[in-house]
Amino acid sequence: MEKTVLIVEDEYPIAMDLKFMLERRGWRVIGPVATVAEASSLLEVELPSVALLDVNLGSDLVTRWLKS
């Protein structure tokens, strides 16, 4: 089974550091994306093995998204 990870992070340098670090360790990265809407769109296409979520995405809280 392929290891896939969705990265949802609105700070570009952090998102790219996570992406490169995970790819070097054999993960296939989905994203990164910076908004809940972008993450939702990706999840309609593919479900990752795991997800790394920034709690604060601009003015949106990812926890509010998880409850819906």
PDB file of N, CA and C in Angstrom:
ATOM      1  N   MET A   1       0.835  -1.186   0.000  1.00  0.00           N
ATOM      2  CA  MET A   1       0.000   0.000   0.000  1.00  0.00           C
ATOM      3  C   MET A   1       0.881   1.252   0.000  1.00  0.00           C
ATOM      4  N   GLU A   2       0.585   2.163  -0.886  1.00  0.00           N
ATOM      5  CA  GLU A   2       1.351   3.396  -0.989  1.00  0.00           C
ATOM      6  C   GLU A   2       1.028   4.325   0.186  1.00  0.00           C
ATOM      7  N   LYS A   3       2.059   4.954   0.733  1.00  0.00           N
ATOM      8  CA  LYS A   3       1.878   5.913   1.819  1.00  0.00           C
ATOM      9  C   LYS A   3       1.588   7.281   1.203  1.00  0.00           C
ATOM     10  N   THR A   4       0.387   7.812   1.465  1.00  0.00           N
ATOM     11  CA  THR A   4       0.029   9.125   0.943  1.00  0.00           C
ATOM     12  C   THR A   4      -0.316  10.044   2.105  1.00  0.00           C
ATOM     13  N   VAL A   5       0.016  11.320   1.944  1.00  0.00           N
ATOM     14  CA  VAL A   5      -0.249  12.305   2.989  1.00  0.00           C
ATOM     15  C   VAL A   5      -0.769  13.584   2.348  1.00  0.00           C
ATOM     16  N   LEU A   6      -1.838  14.113   2.915  1.00  0.00           N
ATOM     17  CA  LEU A   6      -2.379  15.410   2.510  1.00  0.00           C
ATOM     18  C   LEU A   6      -1.811  16.458   3.451  1.00  0.00           C
ATOM     19  N   ILE A   7      -1.212  17.501   2.878  1.00  0.00           N
ATOM     20  CA  ILE A   7      -0.697  18.609   3.682  1.00  0.00           C
ATOM     21  C   ILE A   7      -1.602  19.811   3.473  1.00  0.00           C
ATOM     22  N   VAL A   8      -2.142  20.321   4.590  1.00  0.00           N
ATOM     23  CA  VAL A   8      -2.968  21.536   4.565  1.00  0.00           C
ATOM     24  C   VAL A   8      -2.263  22.548   5.459  1.00  0.00           C
ATOM     25  N   GLU A   9      -1.597  23.501   4.826  1.00  0.00           N
ATOM     26  CA  GLU A   9      -0.765  24.492   5.533  1.00  0.00           C
ATOM     27  C   GLU A   9      -0.766  25.777   4.730  1.00  0.00           C
ATOM     28  N   ASP A  10      -1.098  26.900   5.379  1.00  0.00           N
ATOM     29  CA  ASP A  10      -1.198  28.164   4.650  1.00  0.00           C
ATOM     30  C   ASP A  10       0.100  28.966   4.608  1.00  0.00           C
ATOM     31  N   GLU A  11       1.137  28.520   5.276  1.00  0.00           N
ATOM     32  CA  GLU A  11       2.434  29.197   5.196  1.00  0.00           C
ATOM     33  C   GLU A  11       3.323  28.406   4.241  1.00  0.00           C
ATOM     34  N   TYR A  12       3.586  29.015   3.085  1.00  0.00           N
ATOM     35  CA  TYR A  12       4.279  28.329   1.993  1.00  0.00           C
ATOM     36  C   TYR A  12       5.610  27.693   2.402  1.00  0.00           C
ATOM     37  N   PRO A  13       6.495  28.405   3.106  1.00  0.00           N
ATOM     38  CA  PRO A  13       7.781  27.772   3.458  1.00  0.00           C
ATOM     39  C   PRO A  13       7.601  26.515   4.330  1.00  0.00           C
ATOM     40  N   ILE A  14       6.680  26.561   5.256  1.00  0.00           N
ATOM     41  CA  ILE A  14       6.425  25.405   6.112  1.00  0.00           C
ATOM     42  C   ILE A  14       5.859  24.254   5.282  1.00  0.00           C
ATOM     43  N   ALA A  15       4.907  24.570   4.420  1.00  0.00           N
ATOM     44  CA  ALA A  15       4.290  23.541   3.573  1.00  0.00           C
ATOM     45  C   ALA A  15       5.334  22.856   2.704  1.00  0.00           C
ATOM     46  N   MET A  16       6.222  23.627   2.118  1.00  0.00           N
ATOM     47  CA  MET A  16       7.233  23.044   1.234  1.00  0.00           C
ATOM     48  C   MET A  16       8.269  22.241   2.018  1.00  0.00           C
ATOM     49  N   ASP A  17       8.644  22.711   3.205  1.00  0.00           N
ATOM     50  CA  ASP A  17       9.567  21.929   4.051  1.00  0.00           C
ATOM     51  C   ASP A  17       8.959  20.576   4.387  1.00  0.00           C
ATOM     52  N   LEU A  18       7.686  20.580   4.788  1.00  0.00           N
ATOM     53  CA  LEU A  18       7.001  19.319   5.097  1.00  0.00           C
ATOM     54  C   LEU A  18       6.956  18.408   3.876  1.00  0.00           C
ATOM     55  N   LYS A  19       6.610  18.987   2.734  1.00  0.00           N
ATOM     56  CA  LYS A  19       6.508  18.210   1.491  1.00  0.00           C
ATOM     57  C   LYS A  19       7.832  17.522   1.162  1.00  0.00           C
ATOM     58  N   PHE A  20       8.916  18.292   1.146  1.00  0.00           N
ATOM     59  CA  PHE A  20      10.219  17.725   0.780  1.00  0.00           C
ATOM     60  C   PHE A  20      10.693  16.701   1.806  1.00  0.00           C
ATOM     61  N   MET A  21      10.469  16.966   3.086  1.00  0.00           N
ATOM     62  CA  MET A  21      10.875  16.040   4.135  1.00  0.00           C
ATOM     63  C   MET A  21      10.138  14.707   3.987  1.00  0.00           C
ATOM     64  N   LEU A  22       8.840  14.760   3.765  1.00  0.00           N
ATOM     65  CA  LEU A  22       8.046  13.542   3.641  1.00  0.00           C
ATOM     66  C   LEU A  22       8.369  12.777   2.363  1.00  0.00           C
ATOM     67  N   GLU A  23       8.583  13.497   1.264  1.00  0.00           N
ATOM     68  CA  GLU A  23       8.935  12.824   0.012  1.00  0.00           C
ATOM     69  C   GLU A  23      10.272  12.084   0.144  1.00  0.00           C
ATOM     70  N   ARG A  24      11.222  12.684   0.842  1.00  0.00           N
ATOM     71  CA  ARG A  24      12.517  12.009   1.055  1.00  0.00           C
ATOM     72  C   ARG A  24      12.355  10.732   1.876  1.00  0.00           C
ATOM     73  N   ARG A  25      11.284  10.640   2.635  1.00  0.00           N
ATOM     74  CA  ARG A  25      11.037   9.465   3.470  1.00  0.00           C
ATOM     75  C   ARG A  25      10.059   8.480   2.827  1.00  0.00           C
ATOM     76  N   GLY A  26       9.781   8.677   1.544  1.00  0.00           N
ATOM     77  CA  GLY A  26       8.989   7.709   0.804  1.00  0.00           C
ATOM     78  C   GLY A  26       7.497   7.971   0.732  1.00  0.00           C
ATOM     79  N   TRP A  27       7.026   9.098   1.234  1.00  0.00           N
ATOM     80  CA  TRP A  27       5.602   9.425   1.158  1.00  0.00           C
ATOM     81  C   TRP A  27       5.294  10.099  -0.169  1.00  0.00           C
ATOM     82  N   ARG A  28       4.089   9.847  -0.692  1.00  0.00           N
ATOM     83  CA  ARG A  28       3.585  10.612  -1.845  1.00  0.00           C
ATOM     84  C   ARG A  28       2.687  11.691  -1.283  1.00  0.00           C
ATOM     85  N   VAL A  29       3.044  12.935  -1.554  1.00  0.00           N
ATOM     86  CA  VAL A  29       2.344  14.073  -0.968  1.00  0.00           C
ATOM     87  C   VAL A  29       1.211  14.519  -1.872  1.00  0.00           C
ATOM     88  N   ILE A  30       0.057  14.714  -1.279  1.00  0.00           N
ATOM     89  CA  ILE A  30      -1.104  15.303  -1.946  1.00  0.00           C
ATOM     90  C   ILE A  30      -1.148  16.752  -1.478  1.00  0.00           C
ATOM     91  N   GLY A  31      -1.071  17.682  -2.399  1.00  0.00           N
ATOM     92  CA  GLY A  31      -0.970  19.085  -2.045  1.00  0.00           C
ATOM     93  C   GLY A  31       0.489  19.518  -2.116  1.00  0.00           C
ATOM     94  N   PRO A  32       0.881  20.441  -1.295  1.00  0.00           N
ATOM     95  CA  PRO A  32       0.131  21.046  -0.205  1.00  0.00           C
ATOM     96  C   PRO A  32      -0.908  22.052  -0.706  1.00  0.00           C
ATOM     97  N   VAL A  33      -1.899  22.263   0.132  1.00  0.00           N
ATOM     98  CA  VAL A  33      -2.924  23.266  -0.134  1.00  0.00           C
ATOM     99  C   VAL A  33      -3.032  24.183   1.080  1.00  0.00           C
ATOM    100  N   ALA A  34      -3.612  25.365   0.864  1.00  0.00           N
ATOM    101  CA  ALA A  34      -3.620  26.387   1.911  1.00  0.00           C
ATOM    102  C   ALA A  34      -4.988  26.659   2.514  1.00  0.00           C
ATOM    103  N   THR A  35      -6.047  26.051   1.956  1.00  0.00           N
ATOM    104  CA  THR A  35      -7.390  26.342   2.461  1.00  0.00           C
ATOM    105  C   THR A  35      -8.199  25.070   2.652  1.00  0.00           C
ATOM    106  N   VAL A  36      -9.228  25.187   3.452  1.00  0.00           N
ATOM    107  CA  VAL A  36     -10.153  24.073   3.661  1.00  0.00           C
ATOM    108  C   VAL A  36     -10.847  23.718   2.353  1.00  0.00           C
ATOM    109  N   ALA A  37     -11.221  24.712   1.568  1.00  0.00           N
ATOM    110  CA  ALA A  37     -11.887  24.457   0.289  1.00  0.00           C
ATOM    111  C   ALA A  37     -11.004  23.662  -0.657  1.00  0.00           C
ATOM    112  N   GLU A  38      -9.721  24.016  -0.732  1.00  0.00           N
ATOM    113  CA  GLU A  38      -8.792  23.276  -1.592  1.00  0.00           C
ATOM    114  C   GLU A  38      -8.624  21.836  -1.100  1.00  0.00           C
ATOM    115  N   ALA A  39      -8.537  21.667   0.204  1.00  0.00           N
ATOM    116  CA  ALA A  39      -8.402  20.317   0.764  1.00  0.00           C
ATOM    117  C   ALA A  39      -9.643  19.490   0.458  1.00  0.00           C
ATOM    118  N   SER A  40     -10.809  20.084   0.591  1.00  0.00           N
ATOM    119  CA  SER A  40     -12.056  19.372   0.293  1.00  0.00           C
ATOM    120  C   SER A  40     -12.093  18.905  -1.154  1.00  0.00           C
ATOM    121  N   SER A  41     -11.640  19.759  -2.056  1.00  0.00           N
ATOM    122  CA  SER A  41     -11.614  19.385  -3.475  1.00  0.00           C
ATOM    123  C   SER A  41     -10.693  18.199  -3.715  1.00  0.00           C
ATOM    124  N   LEU A  42      -9.535  18.208  -3.090  1.00  0.00           N
ATOM    125  CA  LEU A  42      -8.605  17.089  -3.253  1.00  0.00           C
ATOM    126  C   LEU A  42      -9.177  15.796  -2.669  1.00  0.00           C
ATOM    127  N   LEU A  43      -9.875  15.912  -1.547  1.00  0.00           N
ATOM    128  CA  LEU A  43     -10.440  14.726  -0.902  1.00  0.00           C
ATOM    129  C   LEU A  43     -11.557  14.095  -1.724  1.00  0.00           C
ATOM    130  N   GLU A  44     -12.173  14.859  -2.609  1.00  0.00           N
ATOM    131  CA  GLU A  44     -13.189  14.293  -3.496  1.00  0.00           C
ATOM    132  C   GLU A  44     -12.562  13.367  -4.530  1.00  0.00           C
ATOM    133  N   VAL A  45     -11.279  13.586  -4.828  1.00  0.00           N
ATOM    134  CA  VAL A  45     -10.565  12.806  -5.829  1.00  0.00           C
ATOM    135  C   VAL A  45      -9.839  11.617  -5.204  1.00  0.00           C
ATOM    136  N   GLU A  46      -9.238  11.834  -4.044  1.00  0.00           N
ATOM    137  CA  GLU A  46      -8.402  10.799  -3.435  1.00  0.00           C
ATOM    138  C   GLU A  46      -8.372  10.959  -1.925  1.00  0.00           C
ATOM    139  N   LEU A  47      -8.444   9.838  -1.211  1.00  0.00           N
ATOM    140  CA  LEU A  47      -8.305   9.844   0.237  1.00  0.00           C
ATOM    141  C   LEU A  47      -6.881   9.439   0.603  1.00  0.00           C
ATOM    142  N   PRO A  48      -6.176  10.280   1.362  1.00  0.00           N
ATOM    143  CA  PRO A  48      -4.807   9.959   1.740  1.00  0.00           C
ATOM    144  C   PRO A  48      -4.770   8.969   2.906  1.00  0.00           C
ATOM    145  N   SER A  49      -3.602   8.384   3.120  1.00  0.00           N
ATOM    146  CA  SER A  49      -3.407   7.514   4.281  1.00  0.00           C
ATOM    147  C   SER A  49      -3.500   8.331   5.570  1.00  0.00           C
ATOM    148  N   VAL A  50      -2.894   9.510   5.566  1.00  0.00           N
ATOM    149  CA  VAL A  50      -2.897  10.426   6.711  1.00  0.00           C
ATOM    150  C   VAL A  50      -2.962  11.854   6.196  1.00  0.00           C
ATOM    151  N   ALA A  51      -3.206  12.790   7.123  1.00  0.00           N
ATOM    152  CA  ALA A  51      -3.218  14.207   6.775  1.00  0.00           C
ATOM    153  C   ALA A  51      -2.498  15.003   7.852  1.00  0.00           C
ATOM    154  N   LEU A  52      -1.765  16.015   7.417  1.00  0.00           N
ATOM    155  CA  LEU A  52      -1.156  16.984   8.322  1.00  0.00           C
ATOM    156  C   LEU A  52      -1.920  18.281   8.143  1.00  0.00           C
ATOM    157  N   LEU A  53      -2.558  18.734   9.217  1.00  0.00           N
ATOM    158  CA  LEU A  53      -3.425  19.900   9.126  1.00  0.00           C
ATOM    159  C   LEU A  53      -2.935  21.017  10.031  1.00  0.00           C
ATOM    160  N   ASP A  54      -2.765  22.196   9.472  1.00  0.00           N
ATOM    161  CA  ASP A  54      -2.507  23.390  10.265  1.00  0.00           C
ATOM    162  C   ASP A  54      -3.826  23.757  10.935  1.00  0.00           C
ATOM    163  N   VAL A  55      -3.803  24.011  12.222  1.00  0.00           N
ATOM    164  CA  VAL A  55      -5.049  24.320  12.942  1.00  0.00           C
ATOM    165  C   VAL A  55      -5.632  25.645  12.479  1.00  0.00           C
ATOM    166  N   ASN A  56      -4.787  26.655  12.307  1.00  0.00           N
ATOM    167  CA  ASN A  56      -5.250  27.980  11.880  1.00  0.00           C
ATOM    168  C   ASN A  56      -4.893  28.202  10.421  1.00  0.00           C
ATOM    169  N   LEU A  57      -5.904  28.272   9.595  1.00  0.00           N
ATOM    170  CA  LEU A  57      -5.711  28.545   8.164  1.00  0.00           C
ATOM    171  C   LEU A  57      -6.274  29.928   7.873  1.00  0.00           C
ATOM    172  N   GLY A  58      -5.428  30.922   8.004  1.00  0.00           N
ATOM    173  CA  GLY A  58      -5.912  32.290   7.856  1.00  0.00           C
ATOM    174  C   GLY A  58      -6.929  32.582   8.942  1.00  0.00           C
ATOM    175  N   SER A  59      -8.135  32.954   8.550  1.00  0.00           N
ATOM    176  CA  SER A  59      -9.191  33.227   9.533  1.00  0.00           C
ATOM    177  C   SER A  59     -10.078  32.006   9.784  1.00  0.00           C
ATOM    178  N   ASP A  60      -9.764  30.894   9.165  1.00  0.00           N
ATOM    179  CA  ASP A  60     -10.563  29.676   9.298  1.00  0.00           C
ATOM    180  C   ASP A  60      -9.867  28.693  10.233  1.00  0.00           C
ATOM    181  N   LEU A  61     -10.647  27.993  11.040  1.00  0.00           N
ATOM    182  CA  LEU A  61     -10.111  26.947  11.906  1.00  0.00           C
ATOM    183  C   LEU A  61     -10.403  25.589  11.288  1.00  0.00           C
ATOM    184  N   VAL A  62      -9.394  24.768  11.185  1.00  0.00           N
ATOM    185  CA  VAL A  62      -9.572  23.439  10.594  1.00  0.00           C
ATOM    186  C   VAL A  62     -10.485  22.582  11.473  1.00  0.00           C
ATOM    187  N   THR A  63     -10.526  22.836  12.764  1.00  0.00           N
ATOM    188  CA  THR A  63     -11.394  22.059  13.659  1.00  0.00           C
ATOM    189  C   THR A  63     -12.874  22.286  13.342  1.00  0.00           C
ATOM    190  N   ARG A  64     -13.219  23.466  12.889  1.00  0.00           N
ATOM    191  CA  ARG A  64     -14.596  23.745  12.492  1.00  0.00           C
ATOM    192  C   ARG A  64     -14.957  22.913  11.268  1.00  0.00           C
ATOM    193  N   TRP A  65     -14.015  22.762  10.371  1.00  0.00           N
ATOM    194  CA  TRP A  65     -14.194  21.965   9.157  1.00  0.00           C
ATOM    195  C   TRP A  65     -14.367  20.490   9.504  1.00  0.00           C
ATOM    196  N   LEU A  66     -13.594  19.990  10.461  1.00  0.00           N
ATOM    197  CA  LEU A  66     -13.654  18.581  10.823  1.00  0.00           C
ATOM    198  C   LEU A  66     -14.978  18.202  11.462  1.00  0.00           C
ATOM    199  N   LYS A  67     -15.648  19.147  12.105  1.00  0.00           N
ATOM    200  CA  LYS A  67     -16.922  18.859  12.779  1.00  0.00           C
ATOM    201  C   LYS A  67     -18.085  18.763  11.796  1.00  0.00           C
ATOM    202  N   SER A  68     -17.924  19.345  10.599  1.00  0.00           N
ATOM    203  CA  SER A  68     -19.057  19.346   9.654  1.00  0.00           C
ATOM    204  C   SER A  68     -19.110  18.102   8.819  1.00  0.00           C
TER     205      SER A  68
END
